PDB file of N, CA and C in Angstrom:
ATOM      1  N   MET A   1     -28.993 -83.373  58.103  1.00  0.00           N
ATOM      2  CA  MET A   1     -27.791 -82.849  57.307  1.00  0.00           C
ATOM      3  C   MET A   1     -28.013 -83.370  55.856  1.00  0.00           C
ATOM      4  N   THR A   2     -27.769 -82.284  54.891  1.00  0.00           N
ATOM      5  CA  THR A   2     -27.898 -82.794  53.483  1.00  0.00           C
ATOM      6  C   THR A   2     -26.412 -82.784  52.884  1.00  0.00           C
ATOM      7  N   THR A   3     -26.224 -83.643  51.873  1.00  0.00           N
ATOM      8  CA  THR A   3     -24.895 -83.502  51.212  1.00  0.00           C
ATOM      9  C   THR A   3     -25.201 -83.387  49.737  1.00  0.00           C
ATOM     10  N   ALA A   4     -24.321 -82.902  49.037  1.00  0.00           N
ATOM     11  CA  ALA A   4     -24.444 -82.777  47.465  1.00  0.00           C
ATOM     12  C   ALA A   4     -23.011 -82.862  47.037  1.00  0.00           C
ATOM     13  N   ASN A   5     -22.877 -83.399  45.828  1.00  0.00           N
ATOM     14  CA  ASN A   5     -21.505 -83.481  45.206  1.00  0.00           C
ATOM     15  C   ASN A   5     -20.944 -82.180  44.855  1.00  0.00           C
ATOM     16  N   THR A   6     -19.671 -81.877  45.241  1.00  0.00           N
ATOM     17  CA  THR A   6     -18.968 -80.707  44.915  1.00  0.00           C
ATOM     18  C   THR A   6     -17.728 -80.987  44.248  1.00  0.00           C
ATOM     19  N   ALA A   7     -17.979 -81.378  42.989  1.00  0.00           N
ATOM     20  CA  ALA A   7     -16.930 -81.779  42.049  1.00  0.00           C
ATOM     21  C   ALA A   7     -15.979 -80.623  41.720  1.00  0.00           C
ATOM     22  N   HIS A   8     -16.279 -79.462  42.072  1.00  0.00           N
ATOM     23  CA  HIS A   8     -15.359 -78.402  41.867  1.00  0.00           C
ATOM     24  C   HIS A   8     -14.274 -78.347  42.686  1.00  0.00           C
ATOM     25  N   THR A   9     -14.214 -79.075  43.849  1.00  0.00           N
ATOM     26  CA  THR A   9     -13.084 -79.052  44.812  1.00  0.00           C
ATOM     27  C   THR A   9     -11.913 -79.780  44.078  1.00  0.00           C
ATOM     28  N   ASP A  10     -10.908 -79.012  43.780  1.00  0.00           N
ATOM     29  CA  ASP A  10      -9.792 -79.442  42.935  1.00  0.00           C
ATOM     30  C   ASP A  10      -8.463 -79.773  43.714  1.00  0.00           C
ATOM     31  N   HIS A  11      -8.668 -79.947  44.952  1.00  0.00           N
ATOM     32  CA  HIS A  11      -7.648 -80.431  45.849  1.00  0.00           C
ATOM     33  C   HIS A  11      -7.988 -81.142  46.993  1.00  0.00           C
ATOM     34  N   GLU A  12      -7.125 -81.775  47.724  1.00  0.00           N
ATOM     35  CA  GLU A  12      -7.465 -82.568  48.895  1.00  0.00           C
ATOM     36  C   GLU A  12      -7.502 -81.499  50.099  1.00  0.00           C
ATOM     37  N   HIS A  13      -8.507 -81.528  50.748  1.00  0.00           N
ATOM     38  CA  HIS A  13      -8.424 -80.599  52.123  1.00  0.00           C
ATOM     39  C   HIS A  13      -7.672 -81.401  53.094  1.00  0.00           C
ATOM     40  N   GLY A  14      -7.105 -80.722  53.972  1.00  0.00           N
ATOM     41  CA  GLY A  14      -6.214 -81.307  55.027  1.00  0.00           C
ATOM     42  C   GLY A  14      -5.246 -80.215  55.635  1.00  0.00           C
ATOM     43  N   ASP A  15      -4.350 -80.616  56.418  1.00  0.00           N
ATOM     44  CA  ASP A  15      -3.505 -79.662  57.026  1.00  0.00           C
ATOM     45  C   ASP A  15      -2.721 -78.874  56.056  1.00  0.00           C
ATOM     46  N   GLY A  16      -2.816 -77.486  56.209  1.00  0.00           N
ATOM     47  CA  GLY A  16      -2.034 -76.632  55.306  1.00  0.00           C
ATOM     48  C   GLY A  16      -2.847 -76.302  53.923  1.00  0.00           C
ATOM     49  N   CYS A  17      -3.994 -76.793  53.761  1.00  0.00           N
ATOM     50  CA  CYS A  17      -4.863 -76.543  52.503  1.00  0.00           C
ATOM     51  C   CYS A  17      -5.217 -75.091  52.330  1.00  0.00           C
ATOM     52  N   GLY A  18      -5.200 -74.356  53.360  1.00  0.00           N
ATOM     53  CA  GLY A  18      -5.621 -73.011  53.404  1.00  0.00           C
ATOM     54  C   GLY A  18      -7.069 -72.668  53.592  1.00  0.00           C
ATOM     55  N   HIS A  19      -7.773 -73.579  53.988  1.00  0.00           N
ATOM     56  CA  HIS A  19      -9.187 -73.392  54.307  1.00  0.00           C
ATOM     57  C   HIS A  19      -9.366 -73.674  55.841  1.00  0.00           C
ATOM     58  N   VAL A  20     -10.344 -72.984  56.392  1.00  0.00           N
ATOM     59  CA  VAL A  20     -10.715 -73.088  57.766  1.00  0.00           C
ATOM     60  C   VAL A  20     -11.145 -74.481  57.911  1.00  0.00           C
ATOM     61  N   ALA A  21     -10.576 -75.234  58.991  1.00  0.00           N
ATOM     62  CA  ALA A  21     -10.999 -76.577  59.371  1.00  0.00           C
ATOM     63  C   ALA A  21     -11.521 -76.592  60.618  1.00  0.00           C
ATOM     64  N   PHE A  22     -12.634 -77.322  60.995  1.00  0.00           N
ATOM     65  CA  PHE A  22     -13.182 -77.439  62.251  1.00  0.00           C
ATOM     66  C   PHE A  22     -13.944 -78.713  62.398  1.00  0.00           C
ATOM     67  N   PRO A  23     -13.971 -79.197  63.663  1.00  0.00           N
ATOM     68  CA  PRO A  23     -14.670 -80.499  64.002  1.00  0.00           C
ATOM     69  C   PRO A  23     -16.145 -80.362  63.859  1.00  0.00           C
ATOM     70  N   HIS A  24     -16.808 -81.328  63.329  1.00  0.00           N
ATOM     71  CA  HIS A  24     -18.271 -81.450  63.227  1.00  0.00           C
ATOM     72  C   HIS A  24     -18.741 -82.958  63.296  1.00  0.00           C
ATOM     73  N   GLY A  25     -19.346 -83.240  64.367  1.00  0.00           N
ATOM     74  CA  GLY A  25     -19.763 -84.658  64.711  1.00  0.00           C
ATOM     75  C   GLY A  25     -18.461 -85.381  64.642  1.00  0.00           C
ATOM     76  N   ASP A  26     -18.607 -86.556  63.674  1.00  0.00           N
ATOM     77  CA  ASP A  26     -17.451 -87.449  63.655  1.00  0.00           C
ATOM     78  C   ASP A  26     -16.533 -87.223  62.571  1.00  0.00           C
ATOM     79  N   HIS A  27     -16.563 -86.019  61.980  1.00  0.00           N
ATOM     80  CA  HIS A  27     -15.488 -85.787  60.889  1.00  0.00           C
ATOM     81  C   HIS A  27     -15.141 -84.372  60.904  1.00  0.00           C
ATOM     82  N   THR A  28     -14.327 -83.867  60.106  1.00  0.00           N
ATOM     83  CA  THR A  28     -13.760 -82.428  59.948  1.00  0.00           C
ATOM     84  C   THR A  28     -14.433 -81.805  58.807  1.00  0.00           C
ATOM     85  N   ASP A  29     -14.961 -80.636  58.925  1.00  0.00           N
ATOM     86  CA  ASP A  29     -15.438 -79.725  57.803  1.00  0.00           C
ATOM     87  C   ASP A  29     -14.361 -78.792  57.448  1.00  0.00           C
ATOM     88  N   TYR A  30     -14.374 -78.334  56.143  1.00  0.00           N
ATOM     89  CA  TYR A  30     -13.633 -77.272  55.723  1.00  0.00           C
ATOM     90  C   TYR A  30     -14.555 -76.153  55.001  1.00  0.00           C
ATOM     91  N   ALA A  31     -14.265 -74.930  55.327  1.00  0.00           N
ATOM     92  CA  ALA A  31     -14.994 -73.774  54.737  1.00  0.00           C
ATOM     93  C   ALA A  31     -14.252 -73.502  53.375  1.00  0.00           C
ATOM     94  N   HIS A  32     -14.925 -73.700  52.329  1.00  0.00           N
ATOM     95  CA  HIS A  32     -14.399 -73.445  50.918  1.00  0.00           C
ATOM     96  C   HIS A  32     -15.401 -72.746  50.061  1.00  0.00           C
ATOM     97  N   ASP A  33     -14.937 -71.495  49.579  1.00  0.00           N
ATOM     98  CA  ASP A  33     -15.782 -70.632  48.649  1.00  0.00           C
ATOM     99  C   ASP A  33     -17.207 -70.611  49.101  1.00  0.00           C
ATOM    100  N   GLY A  34     -17.469 -70.196  50.279  1.00  0.00           N
ATOM    101  CA  GLY A  34     -18.774 -69.923  50.868  1.00  0.00           C
ATOM    102  C   GLY A  34     -19.678 -71.079  51.123  1.00  0.00           C
ATOM    103  N   HIS A  35     -19.047 -72.237  51.126  1.00  0.00           N
ATOM    104  CA  HIS A  35     -19.843 -73.363  51.485  1.00  0.00           C
ATOM    105  C   HIS A  35     -18.960 -74.298  52.340  1.00  0.00           C
ATOM    106  N   ILE A  36     -19.516 -75.441  52.864  1.00  0.00           N
ATOM    107  CA  ILE A  36     -18.780 -76.357  53.837  1.00  0.00           C
ATOM    108  C   ILE A  36     -18.542 -77.641  53.192  1.00  0.00           C
ATOM    109  N   ASP A  37     -17.443 -78.167  53.208  1.00  0.00           N
ATOM    110  CA  ASP A  37     -16.982 -79.480  52.488  1.00  0.00           C
ATOM    111  C   ASP A  37     -16.643 -80.405  53.663  1.00  0.00           C
ATOM    112  N   ARG A  38     -17.132 -81.794  53.316  1.00  0.00           N
ATOM    113  CA  ARG A  38     -16.562 -82.762  54.131  1.00  0.00           C
ATOM    114  C   ARG A  38     -16.215 -83.910  53.186  1.00  0.00           C
ATOM    115  N   GLU A  39     -15.313 -84.877  53.616  1.00  0.00           N
ATOM    116  CA  GLU A  39     -14.845 -86.099  52.842  1.00  0.00           C
ATOM    117  C   GLU A  39     -15.907 -87.080  53.135  1.00  0.00           C
ATOM    118  N   SER A  40     -16.275 -87.707  52.042  1.00  0.00           N
ATOM    119  CA  SER A  40     -17.326 -88.862  52.133  1.00  0.00           C
ATOM    120  C   SER A  40     -17.113 -89.718  50.914  1.00  0.00           C
ATOM    121  N   GLY A  41     -16.945 -90.948  51.193  1.00  0.00           N
ATOM    122  CA  GLY A  41     -16.793 -91.929  50.269  1.00  0.00           C
ATOM    123  C   GLY A  41     -15.695 -91.768  49.130  1.00  0.00           C
ATOM    124  N   GLY A  42     -14.579 -91.181  49.590  1.00  0.00           N
ATOM    125  CA  GLY A  42     -13.499 -90.852  48.684  1.00  0.00           C
ATOM    126  C   GLY A  42     -13.615 -89.596  47.920  1.00  0.00           C
ATOM    127  N   GLY A  43     -14.660 -88.810  48.199  1.00  0.00           N
ATOM    128  CA  GLY A  43     -14.704 -87.473  47.474  1.00  0.00           C
ATOM    129  C   GLY A  43     -15.240 -86.408  48.444  1.00  0.00           C
ATOM    130  N   TRP A  44     -15.410 -85.296  47.994  1.00  0.00           N
ATOM    131  CA  TRP A  44     -15.836 -84.078  48.787  1.00  0.00           C
ATOM    132  C   TRP A  44     -17.181 -83.737  48.456  1.00  0.00           C
ATOM    133  N   GLN A  45     -17.895 -83.676  49.531  1.00  0.00           N
ATOM    134  CA  GLN A  45     -19.271 -83.247  49.368  1.00  0.00           C
ATOM    135  C   GLN A  45     -19.727 -81.983  50.410  1.00  0.00           C
ATOM    136  N   ALA A  46     -20.791 -81.376  49.993  1.00  0.00           N
ATOM    137  CA  ALA A  46     -21.226 -80.236  50.816  1.00  0.00           C
ATOM    138  C   ALA A  46     -21.834 -80.887  52.124  1.00  0.00           C
ATOM    139  N   CYS A  47     -21.440 -80.096  53.301  1.00  0.00           N
ATOM    140  CA  CYS A  47     -22.050 -80.659  54.559  1.00  0.00           C
ATOM    141  C   CYS A  47     -22.796 -79.467  55.189  1.00  0.00           C
ATOM    142  N   GLU A  48     -24.110 -79.696  54.844  1.00  0.00           N
ATOM    143  CA  GLU A  48     -25.141 -78.588  55.364  1.00  0.00           C
ATOM    144  C   GLU A  48     -26.238 -79.278  56.158  1.00  0.00           C
ATOM    145  N   VAL A  49     -26.783 -78.554  57.091  1.00  0.00           N
ATOM    146  CA  VAL A  49     -27.902 -78.839  57.847  1.00  0.00           C
ATOM    147  C   VAL A  49     -29.076 -78.418  57.038  1.00  0.00           C
ATOM    148  N   GLY A  50     -30.067 -79.330  56.768  1.00  0.00           N
ATOM    149  CA  GLY A  50     -31.240 -78.970  56.000  1.00  0.00           C
ATOM    150  C   GLY A  50     -32.242 -78.345  56.985  1.00  0.00           C
ATOM    151  N   GLY A  51     -32.967 -77.368  56.340  1.00  0.00           N
ATOM    152  CA  GLY A  51     -34.155 -76.604  57.144  1.00  0.00           C
ATOM    153  C   GLY A  51     -33.543 -75.796  58.159  1.00  0.00           C
ATOM    154  N   HIS A  52     -34.518 -75.250  58.979  1.00  0.00           N
ATOM    155  CA  HIS A  52     -34.225 -74.362  60.141  1.00  0.00           C
ATOM    156  C   HIS A  52     -34.136 -75.089  61.354  1.00  0.00           C
ATOM    157  N   THR A  53     -32.959 -75.127  61.959  1.00  0.00           N
ATOM    158  CA  THR A  53     -32.675 -75.801  63.203  1.00  0.00           C
ATOM    159  C   THR A  53     -32.230 -74.967  64.230  1.00  0.00           C
ATOM    160  N   GLU A  54     -32.935 -74.594  65.336  1.00  0.00           N
ATOM    161  CA  GLU A  54     -32.624 -73.843  66.261  1.00  0.00           C
ATOM    162  C   GLU A  54     -31.611 -74.459  67.233  1.00  0.00           C
ATOM    163  N   ALA A  55     -30.479 -73.721  67.566  1.00  0.00           N
ATOM    164  CA  ALA A  55     -29.509 -74.251  68.471  1.00  0.00           C
ATOM    165  C   ALA A  55     -30.053 -74.538  69.994  1.00  0.00           C
ATOM    166  N   GLU A  56     -29.838 -75.594  70.517  1.00  0.00           N
ATOM    167  CA  GLU A  56     -30.477 -76.013  71.830  1.00  0.00           C
ATOM    168  C   GLU A  56     -29.698 -75.161  72.861  1.00  0.00           C
ATOM    169  N   GLY A  57     -30.316 -74.904  73.996  1.00  0.00           N
ATOM    170  CA  GLY A  57     -29.915 -74.214  75.062  1.00  0.00           C
ATOM    171  C   GLY A  57     -29.572 -72.670  74.885  1.00  0.00           C
ATOM    172  N   ALA A  58     -29.656 -72.009  75.951  1.00  0.00           N
ATOM    173  CA  ALA A  58     -29.338 -70.645  76.015  1.00  0.00           C
ATOM    174  C   ALA A  58     -27.803 -70.244  75.798  1.00  0.00           C
ATOM    175  N   HIS A  59     -27.570 -69.266  75.126  1.00  0.00           N
ATOM    176  CA  HIS A  59     -26.260 -68.781  75.059  1.00  0.00           C
ATOM    177  C   HIS A  59     -25.985 -67.805  76.026  1.00  0.00           C
ATOM    178  N   GLN A  60     -24.696 -67.916  76.725  1.00  0.00           N
ATOM    179  CA  GLN A  60     -24.405 -66.995  77.841  1.00  0.00           C
ATOM    180  C   GLN A  60     -23.617 -65.775  77.183  1.00  0.00           C
ATOM    181  N   HIS A  61     -23.451 -65.652  75.933  1.00  0.00           N
ATOM    182  CA  HIS A  61     -22.803 -64.589  75.204  1.00  0.00           C
ATOM    183  C   HIS A  61     -23.285 -64.432  73.846  1.00  0.00           C
ATOM    184  N   SER A  62     -22.826 -63.477  73.081  1.00  0.00           N
ATOM    185  CA  SER A  62     -23.154 -63.382  71.758  1.00  0.00           C
ATOM    186  C   SER A  62     -21.895 -63.697  70.819  1.00  0.00           C
ATOM    187  N   HIS A  63     -22.224 -64.310  69.745  1.00  0.00           N
ATOM    188  CA  HIS A  63     -20.973 -64.764  68.967  1.00  0.00           C
ATOM    189  C   HIS A  63     -20.720 -63.608  68.099  1.00  0.00           C
ATOM    190  N   GLY A  64     -19.450 -63.306  67.894  1.00  0.00           N
ATOM    191  CA  GLY A  64     -18.840 -62.147  67.133  1.00  0.00           C
ATOM    192  C   GLY A  64     -17.390 -62.034  67.381  1.00  0.00           C
ATOM    193  N   ALA A  65     -16.790 -60.993  66.771  1.00  0.00           N
ATOM    194  CA  ALA A  65     -15.219 -60.817  66.857  1.00  0.00           C
ATOM    195  C   ALA A  65     -14.863 -61.022  68.430  1.00  0.00           C
ATOM    196  N   GLY A  66     -13.930 -61.802  68.632  1.00  0.00           N
ATOM    197  CA  GLY A  66     -13.387 -62.009  70.103  1.00  0.00           C
ATOM    198  C   GLY A  66     -14.133 -62.725  70.966  1.00  0.00           C
ATOM    199  N   CYS A  67     -15.217 -63.583  70.494  1.00  0.00           N
ATOM    200  CA  CYS A  67     -16.048 -64.293  71.351  1.00  0.00           C
ATOM    201  C   CYS A  67     -15.311 -65.654  71.825  1.00  0.00           C
ATOM    202  N   GLY A  68     -14.219 -65.907  71.100  1.00  0.00           N
ATOM    203  CA  GLY A  68     -13.480 -67.159  71.477  1.00  0.00           C
ATOM    204  C   GLY A  68     -13.797 -68.296  70.669  1.00  0.00           C
ATOM    205  N   HIS A  69     -14.860 -68.352  69.805  1.00  0.00           N
ATOM    206  CA  HIS A  69     -15.194 -69.537  68.956  1.00  0.00           C
ATOM    207  C   HIS A  69     -14.595 -69.176  67.359  1.00  0.00           C
ATOM    208  N   VAL A  70     -14.297 -70.268  66.770  1.00  0.00           N
ATOM    209  CA  VAL A  70     -13.750 -70.235  65.407  1.00  0.00           C
ATOM    210  C   VAL A  70     -14.712 -69.575  64.529  1.00  0.00           C
ATOM    211  N   ALA A  71     -14.490 -68.541  63.780  1.00  0.00           N
ATOM    212  CA  ALA A  71     -15.382 -67.991  62.803  1.00  0.00           C
ATOM    213  C   ALA A  71     -15.308 -68.681  61.475  1.00  0.00           C
ATOM    214  N   VAL A  72     -16.229 -68.972  60.847  1.00  0.00           N
ATOM    215  CA  VAL A  72     -16.405 -69.737  59.611  1.00  0.00           C
ATOM    216  C   VAL A  72     -17.181 -69.037  58.508  1.00  0.00           C
ATOM    217  N   PRO A  73     -16.682 -68.341  57.492  1.00  0.00           N
ATOM    218  CA  PRO A  73     -17.361 -67.802  56.401  1.00  0.00           C
ATOM    219  C   PRO A  73     -18.326 -68.852  55.806  1.00  0.00           C
ATOM    220  N   HIS A  74     -19.557 -68.398  55.742  1.00  0.00           N
ATOM    221  CA  HIS A  74     -20.710 -69.395  55.085  1.00  0.00           C
ATOM    222  C   HIS A  74     -21.582 -68.540  54.439  1.00  0.00           C
ATOM    223  N   ALA A  75     -21.744 -68.853  53.072  1.00  0.00           N
ATOM    224  CA  ALA A  75     -22.651 -68.049  52.187  1.00  0.00           C
ATOM    225  C   ALA A  75     -22.449 -66.516  52.420  1.00  0.00           C
ATOM    226  N   ASP A  76     -23.634 -65.775  52.908  1.00  0.00           N
ATOM    227  CA  ASP A  76     -23.552 -64.415  53.025  1.00  0.00           C
ATOM    228  C   ASP A  76     -23.427 -63.949  54.672  1.00  0.00           C
ATOM    229  N   HIS A  77     -23.019 -64.891  55.356  1.00  0.00           N
ATOM    230  CA  HIS A  77     -22.730 -64.558  56.785  1.00  0.00           C
ATOM    231  C   HIS A  77     -21.673 -65.266  57.411  1.00  0.00           C
ATOM    232  N   VAL A  78     -21.389 -65.283  58.716  1.00  0.00           N
ATOM    233  CA  VAL A  78     -20.355 -65.870  59.471  1.00  0.00           C
ATOM    234  C   VAL A  78     -20.942 -66.794  60.424  1.00  0.00           C
ATOM    235  N   ASP A  79     -20.614 -68.151  60.469  1.00  0.00           N
ATOM    236  CA  ASP A  79     -20.938 -69.034  61.609  1.00  0.00           C
ATOM    237  C   ASP A  79     -19.828 -69.179  62.537  1.00  0.00           C
ATOM    238  N   TYR A  80     -20.177 -69.581  63.591  1.00  0.00           N
ATOM    239  CA  TYR A  80     -19.198 -69.708  64.824  1.00  0.00           C
ATOM    240  C   TYR A  80     -19.329 -71.180  65.297  1.00  0.00           C
ATOM    241  N   VAL A  81     -18.211 -71.867  65.389  1.00  0.00           N
ATOM    242  CA  VAL A  81     -18.047 -73.195  65.838  1.00  0.00           C
ATOM    243  C   VAL A  81     -18.237 -73.137  67.406  1.00  0.00           C
ATOM    244  N   HIS A  82     -19.281 -73.886  67.856  1.00  0.00           N
ATOM    245  CA  HIS A  82     -19.573 -73.876  69.262  1.00  0.00           C
ATOM    246  C   HIS A  82     -20.216 -75.351  69.524  1.00  0.00           C
ATOM    247  N   ASP A  83     -19.544 -75.970  70.536  1.00  0.00           N
ATOM    248  CA  ASP A  83     -19.888 -77.242  70.965  1.00  0.00           C
ATOM    249  C   ASP A  83     -20.083 -78.340  69.774  1.00  0.00           C
ATOM    250  N   GLY A  84     -19.217 -78.204  68.811  1.00  0.00           N
ATOM    251  CA  GLY A  84     -19.243 -79.244  67.785  1.00  0.00           C
ATOM    252  C   GLY A  84     -20.271 -79.043  66.714  1.00  0.00           C
ATOM    253  N   SER A  85     -20.728 -77.774  66.648  1.00  0.00           N
ATOM    254  CA  SER A  85     -21.755 -77.427  65.516  1.00  0.00           C
ATOM    255  C   SER A  85     -21.405 -75.918  65.102  1.00  0.00           C
ATOM    256  N   ARG A  86     -21.938 -75.502  63.984  1.00  0.00           N
ATOM    257  CA  ARG A  86     -21.837 -74.007  63.571  1.00  0.00           C
ATOM    258  C   ARG A  86     -23.061 -73.358  63.996  1.00  0.00           C
ATOM    259  N   HIS A  87     -22.942 -72.256  64.635  1.00  0.00           N
ATOM    260  CA  HIS A  87     -24.087 -71.499  64.971  1.00  0.00           C
ATOM    261  C   HIS A  87     -24.090 -70.138  64.145  1.00  0.00           C
ATOM    262  N   ALA A  88     -25.196 -69.785  63.801  1.00  0.00           N
ATOM    263  CA  ALA A  88     -25.461 -68.535  62.986  1.00  0.00           C
ATOM    264  C   ALA A  88     -26.574 -67.704  63.526  1.00  0.00           C
ATOM    265  N   ALA A  89     -26.388 -66.477  63.706  1.00  0.00           N
ATOM    266  CA  ALA A  89     -27.467 -65.530  64.377  1.00  0.00           C
ATOM    267  C   ALA A  89     -28.710 -65.717  63.439  1.00  0.00           C
ATOM    268  N   HIS A  90     -29.834 -65.816  64.163  1.00  0.00           N
ATOM    269  CA  HIS A  90     -31.168 -65.713  63.425  1.00  0.00           C
ATOM    270  C   HIS A  90     -32.033 -65.045  64.294  1.00  0.00           C
ATOM    271  N   GLU A  91     -32.528 -64.043  64.026  1.00  0.00           N
ATOM    272  CA  GLU A  91     -33.617 -63.221  64.879  1.00  0.00           C
ATOM    273  C   GLU A  91     -33.072 -63.136  66.187  1.00  0.00           C
ATOM    274  N   ASP A  92     -33.755 -63.671  67.285  1.00  0.00           N
ATOM    275  CA  ASP A  92     -33.379 -63.590  68.682  1.00  0.00           C
ATOM    276  C   ASP A  92     -32.692 -64.866  69.191  1.00  0.00           C
ATOM    277  N   HIS A  93     -32.312 -65.639  68.321  1.00  0.00           N
ATOM    278  CA  HIS A  93     -31.637 -66.887  68.759  1.00  0.00           C
ATOM    279  C   HIS A  93     -30.417 -67.320  67.690  1.00  0.00           C
ATOM    280  N   TYR A  94     -29.792 -68.538  67.870  1.00  0.00           N
ATOM    281  CA  TYR A  94     -28.859 -68.999  66.918  1.00  0.00           C
ATOM    282  C   TYR A  94     -29.378 -70.354  66.352  1.00  0.00           C
ATOM    283  N   ASP A  95     -29.193 -70.339  64.987  1.00  0.00           N
ATOM    284  CA  ASP A  95     -29.447 -71.622  64.217  1.00  0.00           C
ATOM    285  C   ASP A  95     -28.200 -72.511  64.084  1.00  0.00           C
ATOM    286  N   VAL A  96     -28.491 -73.789  63.997  1.00  0.00           N
ATOM    287  CA  VAL A  96     -27.335 -74.826  63.761  1.00  0.00           C
ATOM    288  C   VAL A  96     -27.235 -74.879  62.224  1.00  0.00           C
ATOM    289  N   HIS A  97     -26.020 -74.712  61.738  1.00  0.00           N
ATOM    290  CA  HIS A  97     -25.718 -74.866  60.359  1.00  0.00           C
ATOM    291  C   HIS A  97     -24.730 -75.969  60.134  1.00  0.00           C
TER     292      HIS A  97
END
């Protein structure tokens, strides 16, 4: 995972902030303006997986509308929260974002 300072975040994420919140590892991420924020060291930073990381294990279904997983807008696509990570379609598999 890589993090970068996102000083543009002009409010505190939390209940009722208006952004999609979802669990990620030991923290909560927030979808904000096409990227993902997490609280770190008293500020907000981008929370992104670096490089190409294929999701482990076979999926028994395809992610999409009505699949039962939280949809999270991310850059130019939609990720789906699945087993504590975000999955994004890539070729014939899903990547972890």
